[in-house]
Amino acid sequence: MARRQRLETLTGWSMMWIICMFDIPVRTKTEMRKATRFRNLLLDNGFSMKQFSVYIKPVKSLSVGQTTTKTLAKYIPDNSSVSFLFITDKQYLMTENYLGKNFSENEEETREKNGQLLLF
């Protein structure tokens, strides 16, 4: 019963997407390693790569998203700029994606290939 109530309270307005956008310098091998480490940390924490410096992750609430970003913020490399944007699931559904001619892979295919399920 409690689980049913919990599921019923999740709506497109309460569920959130975290969009992580970053600019990390990669001029030296050390900087490249730090940038790779940060990208891998995002992947290990359930983010999917949307573009090379843009990663996304669905979460069930803003508070869960903020907890996630506070944890990740501790690992931001020096001289880097990282932004975490929070949008509702309803807002994310209004995203319009356009693929250029001969673009071979889209977000859904990537998720399927990696064994990820879209939960909402």
PDB file of N, CA and C in Angstrom:
ATOM      1  N   MET A   1       0.821  -1.194   0.000  1.00  0.00           N
ATOM      2  CA  MET A   1       0.000   0.000   0.000  1.00  0.00           C
ATOM      3  C   MET A   1       0.868   1.262   0.000  1.00  0.00           C
ATOM      4  N   ALA A   2       1.902   1.285   0.843  1.00  0.00           N
ATOM      5  CA  ALA A   2       2.760   2.470   0.908  1.00  0.00           C
ATOM      6  C   ALA A   2       3.463   2.697  -0.425  1.00  0.00           C
ATOM      7  N   ARG A   3       3.872   1.608  -1.069  1.00  0.00           N
ATOM      8  CA  ARG A   3       4.541   1.753  -2.357  1.00  0.00           C
ATOM      9  C   ARG A   3       3.578   2.335  -3.383  1.00  0.00           C
ATOM     10  N   ARG A   4       2.337   1.896  -3.398  1.00  0.00           N
ATOM     11  CA  ARG A   4       1.356   2.422  -4.339  1.00  0.00           C
ATOM     12  C   ARG A   4       1.152   3.914  -4.117  1.00  0.00           C
ATOM     13  N   GLN A   5       1.071   4.334  -2.864  1.00  0.00           N
ATOM     14  CA  GLN A   5       0.906   5.752  -2.571  1.00  0.00           C
ATOM     15  C   GLN A   5       2.125   6.547  -3.051  1.00  0.00           C
ATOM     16  N   ARG A   6       3.313   5.996  -2.851  1.00  0.00           N
ATOM     17  CA  ARG A   6       4.534   6.666  -3.274  1.00  0.00           C
ATOM     18  C   ARG A   6       4.549   6.836  -4.789  1.00  0.00           C
ATOM     19  N   LEU A   7       4.162   5.792  -5.528  1.00  0.00           N
ATOM     20  CA  LEU A   7       4.139   5.864  -6.978  1.00  0.00           C
ATOM     21  C   LEU A   7       3.106   6.869  -7.473  1.00  0.00           C
ATOM     22  N   GLU A   8       1.984   6.953  -6.778  1.00  0.00           N
ATOM     23  CA  GLU A   8       0.944   7.871  -7.206  1.00  0.00           C
ATOM     24  C   GLU A   8       1.350   9.327  -7.003  1.00  0.00           C
ATOM     25  N   THR A   9       2.246   9.601  -6.062  1.00  0.00           N
ATOM     26  CA  THR A   9       2.654  10.981  -5.821  1.00  0.00           C
ATOM     27  C   THR A   9       3.711  11.450  -6.818  1.00  0.00           C
ATOM     28  N   LEU A  10       4.332  10.521  -7.563  1.00  0.00           N
ATOM     29  CA  LEU A  10       5.298  10.918  -8.580  1.00  0.00           C
ATOM     30  C   LEU A  10       4.541  11.395  -9.812  1.00  0.00           C
ATOM     31  N   THR A  11       4.773  12.619 -10.182  1.00  0.00           N
ATOM     32  CA  THR A  11       4.116  13.173 -11.362  1.00  0.00           C
ATOM     33  C   THR A  11       5.168  13.778 -12.276  1.00  0.00           C
ATOM     34  N   GLY A  12       4.750  14.162 -13.446  1.00  0.00           N
ATOM     35  CA  GLY A  12       5.657  14.817 -14.378  1.00  0.00           C
ATOM     36  C   GLY A  12       6.164  16.147 -13.872  1.00  0.00           C
ATOM     37  N   TRP A  13       5.478  16.692 -12.853  1.00  0.00           N
ATOM     38  CA  TRP A  13       5.922  17.964 -12.285  1.00  0.00           C
ATOM     39  C   TRP A  13       6.835  17.748 -11.090  1.00  0.00           C
ATOM     40  N   SER A  14       6.772  16.588 -10.443  1.00  0.00           N
ATOM     41  CA  SER A  14       7.653  16.344  -9.295  1.00  0.00           C
ATOM     42  C   SER A  14       8.941  15.633  -9.714  1.00  0.00           C
ATOM     43  N   MET A  15       8.866  14.802 -10.758  1.00  0.00           N
ATOM     44  CA  MET A  15      10.062  14.128 -11.240  1.00  0.00           C
ATOM     45  C   MET A  15      10.914  15.146 -11.995  1.00  0.00           C
ATOM     46  N   MET A  16      12.219  15.018 -11.850  1.00  0.00           N
ATOM     47  CA  MET A  16      13.135  16.018 -12.397  1.00  0.00           C
ATOM     48  C   MET A  16      14.178  15.372 -13.304  1.00  0.00           C
ATOM     49  N   TRP A  17      14.765  16.183 -14.126  1.00  0.00           N
ATOM     50  CA  TRP A  17      15.942  15.818 -14.901  1.00  0.00           C
ATOM     51  C   TRP A  17      17.067  16.750 -14.465  1.00  0.00           C
ATOM     52  N   ILE A  18      18.235  16.188 -14.235  1.00  0.00           N
ATOM     53  CA  ILE A  18      19.424  16.995 -13.976  1.00  0.00           C
ATOM     54  C   ILE A  18      20.178  17.058 -15.293  1.00  0.00           C
ATOM     55  N   ILE A  19      20.487  18.253 -15.717  1.00  0.00           N
ATOM     56  CA  ILE A  19      21.311  18.437 -16.910  1.00  0.00           C
ATOM     57  C   ILE A  19      22.633  19.029 -16.428  1.00  0.00           C
ATOM     58  N   CYS A  20      23.696  18.290 -16.629  1.00  0.00           N
ATOM     59  CA  CYS A  20      25.037  18.733 -16.237  1.00  0.00           C
ATOM     60  C   CYS A  20      25.768  19.206 -17.484  1.00  0.00           C
ATOM     61  N   MET A  21      26.152  20.479 -17.473  1.00  0.00           N
ATOM     62  CA  MET A  21      26.894  21.067 -18.596  1.00  0.00           C
ATOM     63  C   MET A  21      28.234  21.549 -18.046  1.00  0.00           C
ATOM     64  N   PHE A  22      29.309  21.221 -18.735  1.00  0.00           N
ATOM     65  CA  PHE A  22      30.604  21.594 -18.179  1.00  0.00           C
ATOM     66  C   PHE A  22      31.608  21.976 -19.245  1.00  0.00           C
ATOM     67  N   ASP A  23      32.575  22.749 -18.796  1.00  0.00           N
ATOM     68  CA  ASP A  23      33.726  23.134 -19.595  1.00  0.00           C
ATOM     69  C   ASP A  23      34.945  22.859 -18.728  1.00  0.00           C
ATOM     70  N   ILE A  24      35.647  21.795 -19.049  1.00  0.00           N
ATOM     71  CA  ILE A  24      36.822  21.380 -18.280  1.00  0.00           C
ATOM     72  C   ILE A  24      38.031  21.465 -19.209  1.00  0.00           C
ATOM     73  N   PRO A  25      39.077  22.196 -18.799  1.00  0.00           N
ATOM     74  CA  PRO A  25      40.248  22.315 -19.675  1.00  0.00           C
ATOM     75  C   PRO A  25      40.928  20.970 -19.886  1.00  0.00           C
ATOM     76  N   VAL A  26      41.414  20.757 -21.111  1.00  0.00           N
ATOM     77  CA  VAL A  26      42.094  19.497 -21.455  1.00  0.00           C
ATOM     78  C   VAL A  26      43.364  19.773 -22.262  1.00  0.00           C
ATOM     79  N   ARG A  27      44.109  20.764 -21.831  1.00  0.00           N
ATOM     80  CA  ARG A  27      45.339  21.136 -22.546  1.00  0.00           C
ATOM     81  C   ARG A  27      46.512  20.207 -22.229  1.00  0.00           C
ATOM     82  N   THR A  28      46.545  19.656 -21.020  1.00  0.00           N
ATOM     83  CA  THR A  28      47.653  18.776 -20.629  1.00  0.00           C
ATOM     84  C   THR A  28      47.119  17.373 -20.347  1.00  0.00           C
ATOM     85  N   LYS A  29      48.017  16.406 -20.239  1.00  0.00           N
ATOM     86  CA  LYS A  29      47.597  15.039 -19.943  1.00  0.00           C
ATOM     87  C   LYS A  29      46.923  14.954 -18.577  1.00  0.00           C
ATOM     88  N   THR A  30      47.410  15.716 -17.623  1.00  0.00           N
ATOM     89  CA  THR A  30      46.814  15.728 -16.286  1.00  0.00           C
ATOM     90  C   THR A  30      45.382  16.258 -16.356  1.00  0.00           C
ATOM     91  N   GLU A  31      45.188  17.344 -17.098  1.00  0.00           N
ATOM     92  CA  GLU A  31      43.838  17.901 -17.248  1.00  0.00           C
ATOM     93  C   GLU A  31      42.919  16.927 -17.974  1.00  0.00           C
ATOM     94  N   MET A  32      43.444  16.226 -18.963  1.00  0.00           N
ATOM     95  CA  MET A  32      42.643  15.223 -19.682  1.00  0.00           C
ATOM     96  C   MET A  32      42.194  14.105 -18.750  1.00  0.00           C
ATOM     97  N   ARG A  33      43.111  13.654 -17.895  1.00  0.00           N
ATOM     98  CA  ARG A  33      42.768  12.596 -16.933  1.00  0.00           C
ATOM     99  C   ARG A  33      41.680  13.065 -15.970  1.00  0.00           C
ATOM    100  N   LYS A  34      41.817  14.322 -15.493  1.00  0.00           N
ATOM    101  CA  LYS A  34      40.817  14.856 -14.562  1.00  0.00           C
ATOM    102  C   LYS A  34      39.461  15.002 -15.240  1.00  0.00           C
ATOM    103  N   ALA A  35      39.446  15.434 -16.488  1.00  0.00           N
ATOM    104  CA  ALA A  35      38.190  15.566 -17.223  1.00  0.00           C
ATOM    105  C   ALA A  35      37.553  14.194 -17.439  1.00  0.00           C
ATOM    106  N   THR A  36      38.356  13.216 -17.806  1.00  0.00           N
ATOM    107  CA  THR A  36      37.849  11.850 -18.009  1.00  0.00           C
ATOM    108  C   THR A  36      37.320  11.281 -16.703  1.00  0.00           C
ATOM    109  N   ARG A  37      38.031  11.535 -15.621  1.00  0.00           N
ATOM    110  CA  ARG A  37      37.596  11.052 -14.308  1.00  0.00           C
ATOM    111  C   ARG A  37      36.228  11.648 -13.943  1.00  0.00           C
ATOM    112  N   PHE A  38      36.039  12.944 -14.221  1.00  0.00           N
ATOM    113  CA  PHE A  38      34.763  13.581 -13.911  1.00  0.00           C
ATOM    114  C   PHE A  38      33.640  13.013 -14.785  1.00  0.00           C
ATOM    115  N   ARG A  39      33.900  12.833 -16.078  1.00  0.00           N
ATOM    116  CA  ARG A  39      32.874  12.244 -16.960  1.00  0.00           C
ATOM    117  C   ARG A  39      32.518  10.829 -16.508  1.00  0.00           C
ATOM    118  N   ASN A  40      33.513  10.051 -16.132  1.00  0.00           N
ATOM    119  CA  ASN A  40      33.245   8.689 -15.646  1.00  0.00           C
ATOM    120  C   ASN A  40      32.456   8.707 -14.342  1.00  0.00           C
ATOM    121  N   LEU A  41      32.727   9.696 -13.500  1.00  0.00           N
ATOM    122  CA  LEU A  41      31.968   9.838 -12.259  1.00  0.00           C
ATOM    123  C   LEU A  41      30.498  10.107 -12.564  1.00  0.00           C
ATOM    124  N   LEU A  42      30.235  10.950 -13.546  1.00  0.00           N
ATOM    125  CA  LEU A  42      28.848  11.201 -13.951  1.00  0.00           C
ATOM    126  C   LEU A  42      28.187   9.908 -14.434  1.00  0.00           C
ATOM    127  N   LEU A  43      28.880   9.164 -15.271  1.00  0.00           N
ATOM    128  CA  LEU A  43      28.329   7.898 -15.775  1.00  0.00           C
ATOM    129  C   LEU A  43      28.087   6.909 -14.642  1.00  0.00           C
ATOM    130  N   ASP A  44      29.023   6.821 -13.708  1.00  0.00           N
ATOM    131  CA  ASP A  44      28.877   5.919 -12.559  1.00  0.00           C
ATOM    132  C   ASP A  44      27.701   6.309 -11.670  1.00  0.00           C
ATOM    133  N   ASN A  45      27.307   7.587 -11.718  1.00  0.00           N
ATOM    134  CA  ASN A  45      26.186   8.065 -10.914  1.00  0.00           C
ATOM    135  C   ASN A  45      24.880   8.108 -11.702  1.00  0.00           C
ATOM    136  N   GLY A  46      24.820   7.407 -12.814  1.00  0.00           N
ATOM    137  CA  GLY A  46      23.568   7.244 -13.545  1.00  0.00           C
ATOM    138  C   GLY A  46      23.272   8.279 -14.614  1.00  0.00           C
ATOM    139  N   PHE A  47      24.233   9.128 -14.936  1.00  0.00           N
ATOM    140  CA  PHE A  47      24.025  10.104 -16.004  1.00  0.00           C
ATOM    141  C   PHE A  47      24.251   9.439 -17.359  1.00  0.00           C
ATOM    142  N   SER A  48      23.601   9.969 -18.378  1.00  0.00           N
ATOM    143  CA  SER A  48      23.811   9.542 -19.761  1.00  0.00           C
ATOM    144  C   SER A  48      24.365  10.721 -20.540  1.00  0.00           C
ATOM    145  N   MET A  49      25.255  10.431 -21.466  1.00  0.00           N
ATOM    146  CA  MET A  49      25.831  11.509 -22.255  1.00  0.00           C
ATOM    147  C   MET A  49      24.835  11.934 -23.338  1.00  0.00           C
ATOM    148  N   LYS A  50      24.470  13.208 -23.316  1.00  0.00           N
ATOM    149  CA  LYS A  50      23.606  13.790 -24.348  1.00  0.00           C
ATOM    150  C   LYS A  50      24.495  14.357 -25.458  1.00  0.00           C
ATOM    151  N   GLN A  51      25.515  15.080 -25.087  1.00  0.00           N
ATOM    152  CA  GLN A  51      26.559  15.575 -25.968  1.00  0.00           C
ATOM    153  C   GLN A  51      27.859  15.446 -25.181  1.00  0.00           C
ATOM    154  N   PHE A  52      28.979  15.739 -25.793  1.00  0.00           N
ATOM    155  CA  PHE A  52      30.244  15.459 -25.123  1.00  0.00           C
ATOM    156  C   PHE A  52      30.376  16.156 -23.769  1.00  0.00           C
ATOM    157  N   SER A  53      29.917  17.373 -23.624  1.00  0.00           N
ATOM    158  CA  SER A  53      30.002  18.081 -22.345  1.00  0.00           C
ATOM    159  C   SER A  53      28.642  18.330 -21.723  1.00  0.00           C
ATOM    160  N   VAL A  54      27.654  17.527 -22.109  1.00  0.00           N
ATOM    161  CA  VAL A  54      26.297  17.643 -21.564  1.00  0.00           C
ATOM    162  C   VAL A  54      25.816  16.238 -21.199  1.00  0.00           C
ATOM    163  N   TYR A  55      25.513  16.063 -19.918  1.00  0.00           N
ATOM    164  CA  TYR A  55      25.044  14.774 -19.423  1.00  0.00           C
ATOM    165  C   TYR A  55      23.698  14.979 -18.739  1.00  0.00           C
ATOM    166  N   ILE A  56      22.829  13.960 -18.799  1.00  0.00           N
ATOM    167  CA  ILE A  56      21.493  14.074 -18.211  1.00  0.00           C
ATOM    168  C   ILE A  56      21.199  12.871 -17.321  1.00  0.00           C
ATOM    169  N   LYS A  57      20.332  13.113 -16.339  1.00  0.00           N
ATOM    170  CA  LYS A  57      19.921  12.030 -15.437  1.00  0.00           C
ATOM    171  C   LYS A  57      18.523  12.322 -14.901  1.00  0.00           C
ATOM    172  N   PRO A  58      17.621  11.337 -14.939  1.00  0.00           N
ATOM    173  CA  PRO A  58      16.317  11.517 -14.308  1.00  0.00           C
ATOM    174  C   PRO A  58      16.401  11.192 -12.815  1.00  0.00           C
ATOM    175  N   VAL A  59      15.705  11.967 -12.000  1.00  0.00           N
ATOM    176  CA  VAL A  59      15.612  11.706 -10.561  1.00  0.00           C
ATOM    177  C   VAL A  59      14.159  11.883 -10.136  1.00  0.00           C
ATOM    178  N   LYS A  60      13.806  11.309  -8.986  1.00  0.00           N
ATOM    179  CA  LYS A  60      12.398  11.341  -8.598  1.00  0.00           C
ATOM    180  C   LYS A  60      11.947  12.644  -7.954  1.00  0.00           C
ATOM    181  N   SER A  61      12.898  13.491  -7.534  1.00  0.00           N
ATOM    182  CA  SER A  61      12.490  14.762  -6.925  1.00  0.00           C
ATOM    183  C   SER A  61      13.653  15.750  -6.965  1.00  0.00           C
ATOM    184  N   LEU A  62      13.323  17.007  -6.738  1.00  0.00           N
ATOM    185  CA  LEU A  62      14.350  18.046  -6.702  1.00  0.00           C
ATOM    186  C   LEU A  62      15.336  17.799  -5.568  1.00  0.00           C
ATOM    187  N   SER A  63      14.854  17.370  -4.418  1.00  0.00           N
ATOM    188  CA  SER A  63      15.754  17.151  -3.277  1.00  0.00           C
ATOM    189  C   SER A  63      16.754  16.029  -3.559  1.00  0.00           C
ATOM    190  N   VAL A  64      16.313  14.973  -4.239  1.00  0.00           N
ATOM    191  CA  VAL A  64      17.240  13.898  -4.615  1.00  0.00           C
ATOM    192  C   VAL A  64      18.272  14.437  -5.595  1.00  0.00           C
ATOM    193  N   GLY A  65      17.832  15.255  -6.541  1.00  0.00           N
ATOM    194  CA  GLY A  65      18.747  15.848  -7.509  1.00  0.00           C
ATOM    195  C   GLY A  65      19.766  16.750  -6.848  1.00  0.00           C
ATOM    196  N   GLN A  66      19.326  17.557  -5.896  1.00  0.00           N
ATOM    197  CA  GLN A  66      20.243  18.465  -5.209  1.00  0.00           C
ATOM    198  C   GLN A  66      21.262  17.700  -4.372  1.00  0.00           C
ATOM    199  N   THR A  67      20.840  16.611  -3.765  1.00  0.00           N
ATOM    200  CA  THR A  67      21.777  15.772  -3.014  1.00  0.00           C
ATOM    201  C   THR A  67      22.826  15.196  -3.956  1.00  0.00           C
ATOM    202  N   THR A  68      22.388  14.741  -5.117  1.00  0.00           N
ATOM    203  CA  THR A  68      23.306  14.188  -6.118  1.00  0.00           C
ATOM    204  C   THR A  68      24.321  15.233  -6.559  1.00  0.00           C
ATOM    205  N   THR A  69      23.847  16.432  -6.866  1.00  0.00           N
ATOM    206  CA  THR A  69      24.762  17.461  -7.374  1.00  0.00           C
ATOM    207  C   THR A  69      25.724  17.959  -6.299  1.00  0.00           C
ATOM    208  N   LYS A  70      25.281  18.017  -5.053  1.00  0.00           N
ATOM    209  CA  LYS A  70      26.181  18.435  -3.970  1.00  0.00           C
ATOM    210  C   LYS A  70      27.322  17.431  -3.823  1.00  0.00           C
ATOM    211  N   THR A  71      27.021  16.155  -3.983  1.00  0.00           N
ATOM    212  CA  THR A  71      28.052  15.122  -3.916  1.00  0.00           C
ATOM    213  C   THR A  71      29.031  15.254  -5.079  1.00  0.00           C
ATOM    214  N   LEU A  72      28.498  15.432  -6.279  1.00  0.00           N
ATOM    215  CA  LEU A  72      29.346  15.539  -7.464  1.00  0.00           C
ATOM    216  C   LEU A  72      30.196  16.808  -7.455  1.00  0.00           C
ATOM    217  N   ALA A  73      29.679  17.881  -6.869  1.00  0.00           N
ATOM    218  CA  ALA A  73      30.394  19.163  -6.851  1.00  0.00           C
ATOM    219  C   ALA A  73      31.751  19.053  -6.156  1.00  0.00           C
ATOM    220  N   LYS A  74      31.892  18.102  -5.250  1.00  0.00           N
ATOM    221  CA  LYS A  74      33.160  17.915  -4.545  1.00  0.00           C
ATOM    222  C   LYS A  74      34.275  17.428  -5.469  1.00  0.00           C
ATOM    223  N   TYR A  75      33.906  16.899  -6.639  1.00  0.00           N
ATOM    224  CA  TYR A  75      34.882  16.288  -7.547  1.00  0.00           C
ATOM    225  C   TYR A  75      35.141  17.120  -8.806  1.00  0.00           C
ATOM    226  N   ILE A  76      34.671  18.359  -8.836  1.00  0.00           N
ATOM    227  CA  ILE A  76      34.870  19.210 -10.002  1.00  0.00           C
ATOM    228  C   ILE A  76      36.352  19.596 -10.079  1.00  0.00           C
ATOM    229  N   PRO A  77      36.987  19.345 -11.227  1.00  0.00           N
ATOM    230  CA  PRO A  77      38.404  19.693 -11.362  1.00  0.00           C
ATOM    231  C   PRO A  77      38.636  21.200 -11.257  1.00  0.00           C
ATOM    232  N   ASP A  78      39.846  21.566 -10.865  1.00  0.00           N
ATOM    233  CA  ASP A  78      40.234  22.980 -10.800  1.00  0.00           C
ATOM    234  C   ASP A  78      40.100  23.629 -12.168  1.00  0.00           C
ATOM    235  N   ASN A  79      39.871  24.928 -12.181  1.00  0.00           N
ATOM    236  CA  ASN A  79      39.755  25.721 -13.410  1.00  0.00           C
ATOM    237  C   ASN A  79      38.651  25.226 -14.339  1.00  0.00           C
ATOM    238  N   SER A  80      37.613  24.630 -13.775  1.00  0.00           N
ATOM    239  CA  SER A  80      36.502  24.106 -14.565  1.00  0.00           C
ATOM    240  C   SER A  80      35.225  24.869 -14.264  1.00  0.00           C
ATOM    241  N   SER A  81      34.329  24.848 -15.218  1.00  0.00           N
ATOM    242  CA  SER A  81      33.012  25.439 -15.044  1.00  0.00           C
ATOM    243  C   SER A  81      31.977  24.328 -15.227  1.00  0.00           C
ATOM    244  N   VAL A  82      31.170  24.085 -14.188  1.00  0.00           N
ATOM    245  CA  VAL A  82      30.145  23.040 -14.240  1.00  0.00           C
ATOM    246  C   VAL A  82      28.821  23.648 -13.798  1.00  0.00           C
ATOM    247  N   SER A  83      27.784  23.423 -14.592  1.00  0.00           N
ATOM    248  CA  SER A  83      26.438  23.896 -14.246  1.00  0.00           C
ATOM    249  C   SER A  83      25.500  22.703 -14.182  1.00  0.00           C
ATOM    250  N   PHE A  84      24.673  22.665 -13.144  1.00  0.00           N
ATOM    251  CA  PHE A  84      23.633  21.657 -13.015  1.00  0.00           C
ATOM    252  C   PHE A  84      22.294  22.368 -13.166  1.00  0.00           C
ATOM    253  N   LEU A  85      21.548  21.981 -14.168  1.00  0.00           N
ATOM    254  CA  LEU A  85      20.245  22.566 -14.443  1.00  0.00           C
ATOM    255  C   LEU A  85      19.184  21.543 -14.088  1.00  0.00           C
ATOM    256  N   PHE A  86      18.149  21.977 -13.376  1.00  0.00           N
ATOM    257  CA  PHE A  86      17.052  21.088 -12.998  1.00  0.00           C
ATOM    258  C   PHE A  86      15.805  21.475 -13.787  1.00  0.00           C
ATOM    259  N   ILE A  87      15.205  20.507 -14.459  1.00  0.00           N
ATOM    260  CA  ILE A  87      13.931  20.755 -15.129  1.00  0.00           C
ATOM    261  C   ILE A  87      12.986  19.601 -14.809  1.00  0.00           C
ATOM    262  N   THR A  88      11.701  19.872 -14.870  1.00  0.00           N
ATOM    263  CA  THR A  88      10.718  18.826 -14.581  1.00  0.00           C
ATOM    264  C   THR A  88      10.635  17.866 -15.766  1.00  0.00           C
ATOM    265  N   ASP A  89      10.075  16.699 -15.508  1.00  0.00           N
ATOM    266  CA  ASP A  89       9.882  15.719 -16.565  1.00  0.00           C
ATOM    267  C   ASP A  89       8.956  16.278 -17.646  1.00  0.00           C
ATOM    268  N   LYS A  90       7.948  17.025 -17.237  1.00  0.00           N
ATOM    269  CA  LYS A  90       7.024  17.643 -18.204  1.00  0.00           C
ATOM    270  C   LYS A  90       7.775  18.590 -19.128  1.00  0.00           C
ATOM    271  N   GLN A  91       8.688  19.365 -18.578  1.00  0.00           N
ATOM    272  CA  GLN A  91       9.467  20.276 -19.403  1.00  0.00           C
ATOM    273  C   GLN A  91      10.399  19.503 -20.340  1.00  0.00           C
ATOM    274  N   TYR A  92      11.010  18.438 -19.833  1.00  0.00           N
ATOM    275  CA  TYR A  92      11.918  17.640 -20.657  1.00  0.00           C
ATOM    276  C   TYR A  92      11.178  17.005 -21.835  1.00  0.00           C
ATOM    277  N   LEU A  93       9.913  16.634 -21.609  1.00  0.00           N
ATOM    278  CA  LEU A  93       9.130  16.030 -22.688  1.00  0.00           C
ATOM    279  C   LEU A  93       8.897  16.998 -23.846  1.00  0.00           C
ATOM    280  N   MET A  94       9.053  18.287 -23.604  1.00  0.00           N
ATOM    281  CA  MET A  94       8.869  19.279 -24.664  1.00  0.00           C
ATOM    282  C   MET A  94      10.152  19.505 -25.472  1.00  0.00           C
ATOM    283  N   THR A  95      11.192  18.747 -25.184  1.00  0.00           N
ATOM    284  CA  THR A  95      12.446  18.865 -25.918  1.00  0.00           C
ATOM    285  C   THR A  95      12.234  18.455 -27.369  1.00  0.00           C
ATOM    286  N   GLU A  96      12.759  19.237 -28.268  1.00  0.00           N
ATOM    287  CA  GLU A  96      12.726  18.892 -29.683  1.00  0.00           C
ATOM    288  C   GLU A  96      14.143  18.565 -30.119  1.00  0.00           C
ATOM    289  N   ASN A  97      14.347  17.353 -30.591  1.00  0.00           N
ATOM    290  CA  ASN A  97      15.658  16.910 -31.046  1.00  0.00           C
ATOM    291  C   ASN A  97      15.665  16.833 -32.569  1.00  0.00           C
ATOM    292  N   TYR A  98      16.697  17.347 -33.164  1.00  0.00           N
ATOM    293  CA  TYR A  98      16.857  17.289 -34.606  1.00  0.00           C
ATOM    294  C   TYR A  98      18.201  16.657 -34.919  1.00  0.00           C
ATOM    295  N   LEU A  99      18.194  15.753 -35.864  1.00  0.00           N
ATOM    296  CA  LEU A  99      19.425  15.076 -36.251  1.00  0.00           C
ATOM    297  C   LEU A  99      19.810  15.519 -37.642  1.00  0.00           C
ATOM    298  N   GLY A 100      21.079  15.818 -37.820  1.00  0.00           N
ATOM    299  CA  GLY A 100      21.570  16.197 -39.136  1.00  0.00           C
ATOM    300  C   GLY A 100      21.598  14.998 -40.074  1.00  0.00           C
ATOM    301  N   LYS A 101      21.737  15.274 -41.350  1.00  0.00           N
ATOM    302  CA  LYS A 101      21.798  14.235 -42.351  1.00  0.00           C
ATOM    303  C   LYS A 101      22.915  13.248 -42.017  1.00  0.00           C
ATOM    304  N   ASN A 102      22.628  11.973 -42.143  1.00  0.00           N
ATOM    305  CA  ASN A 102      23.576  10.878 -41.909  1.00  0.00           C
ATOM    306  C   ASN A 102      23.967  10.714 -40.444  1.00  0.00           C
ATOM    307  N   PHE A 103      23.221  11.320 -39.520  1.00  0.00           N
ATOM    308  CA  PHE A 103      23.513  11.103 -38.100  1.00  0.00           C
ATOM    309  C   PHE A 103      23.057   9.697 -37.763  1.00  0.00           C
ATOM    310  N   SER A 104      23.945   8.886 -37.204  1.00  0.00           N
ATOM    311  CA  SER A 104      23.677   7.456 -37.099  1.00  0.00           C
ATOM    312  C   SER A 104      23.058   6.998 -35.785  1.00  0.00           C
ATOM    313  N   GLU A 105      23.185   7.753 -34.714  1.00  0.00           N
ATOM    314  CA  GLU A 105      22.751   7.248 -33.423  1.00  0.00           C
ATOM    315  C   GLU A 105      21.958   8.307 -32.680  1.00  0.00           C
ATOM    316  N   ASN A 106      20.879   7.895 -32.019  1.00  0.00           N
ATOM    317  CA  ASN A 106      20.126   8.844 -31.215  1.00  0.00           C
ATOM    318  C   ASN A 106      20.095   8.387 -29.759  1.00  0.00           C
ATOM    319  N   GLU A 107      19.522   9.214 -28.909  1.00  0.00           N
ATOM    320  CA  GLU A 107      19.536   8.981 -27.465  1.00  0.00           C
ATOM    321  C   GLU A 107      18.868   7.659 -27.089  1.00  0.00           C
ATOM    322  N   GLU A 108      17.729   7.339 -27.709  1.00  0.00           N
ATOM    323  CA  GLU A 108      17.021   6.110 -27.374  1.00  0.00           C
ATOM    324  C   GLU A 108      17.844   4.877 -27.745  1.00  0.00           C
ATOM    325  N   GLU A 109      18.480   4.915 -28.914  1.00  0.00           N
ATOM    326  CA  GLU A 109      19.324   3.788 -29.326  1.00  0.00           C
ATOM    327  C   GLU A 109      20.503   3.601 -28.373  1.00  0.00           C
ATOM    328  N   THR A 110      21.087   4.700 -27.930  1.00  0.00           N
ATOM    329  CA  THR A 110      22.211   4.640 -26.997  1.00  0.00           C
ATOM    330  C   THR A 110      21.771   4.019 -25.679  1.00  0.00           C
ATOM    331  N   ARG A 111      20.602   4.434 -25.166  1.00  0.00           N
ATOM    332  CA  ARG A 111      20.088   3.868 -23.914  1.00  0.00           C
ATOM    333  C   ARG A 111      19.852   2.377 -24.062  1.00  0.00           C
ATOM    334  N   GLU A 112      19.247   1.968 -25.173  1.00  0.00           N
ATOM    335  CA  GLU A 112      18.983   0.545 -25.386  1.00  0.00           C
ATOM    336  C   GLU A 112      20.282  -0.253 -25.465  1.00  0.00           C
ATOM    337  N   LYS A 113      21.266   0.303 -26.169  1.00  0.00           N
ATOM    338  CA  LYS A 113      22.554  -0.374 -26.321  1.00  0.00           C
ATOM    339  C   LYS A 113      23.234  -0.557 -24.964  1.00  0.00           C
ATOM    340  N   ASN A 114      23.096   0.439 -24.090  1.00  0.00           N
ATOM    341  CA  ASN A 114      23.733   0.378 -22.766  1.00  0.00           C
ATOM    342  C   ASN A 114      22.863  -0.325 -21.733  1.00  0.00           C
ATOM    343  N   GLY A 115      21.688  -0.790 -22.132  1.00  0.00           N
ATOM    344  CA  GLY A 115      20.822  -1.518 -21.228  1.00  0.00           C
ATOM    345  C   GLY A 115      20.069  -0.636 -20.235  1.00  0.00           C
ATOM    346  N   GLN A 116      19.916   0.649 -20.559  1.00  0.00           N
ATOM    347  CA  GLN A 116      19.183   1.549 -19.675  1.00  0.00           C
ATOM    348  C   GLN A 116      17.710   1.532 -20.037  1.00  0.00           C
ATOM    349  N   LEU A 117      16.887   1.637 -19.022  1.00  0.00           N
ATOM    350  CA  LEU A 117      15.457   1.740 -19.219  1.00  0.00           C
ATOM    351  C   LEU A 117      15.015   3.168 -18.930  1.00  0.00           C
ATOM    352  N   LEU A 118      14.059   3.633 -19.705  1.00  0.00           N
ATOM    353  CA  LEU A 118      13.469   4.934 -19.442  1.00  0.00           C
ATOM    354  C   LEU A 118      12.330   4.712 -18.460  1.00  0.00           C
ATOM    355  N   LEU A 119      12.450   5.247 -17.251  1.00  0.00           N
ATOM    356  CA  LEU A 119      11.491   4.952 -16.198  1.00  0.00           C
ATOM    357  C   LEU A 119      10.243   5.812 -16.251  1.00  0.00           C
ATOM    358  N   PHE A 120      10.337   6.997 -16.834  1.00  0.00           N
ATOM    359  CA  PHE A 120       9.171   7.852 -16.914  1.00  0.00           C
ATOM    360  C   PHE A 120       9.266   8.765 -18.093  1.00  0.00           C
TER     361      PHE A 120
END
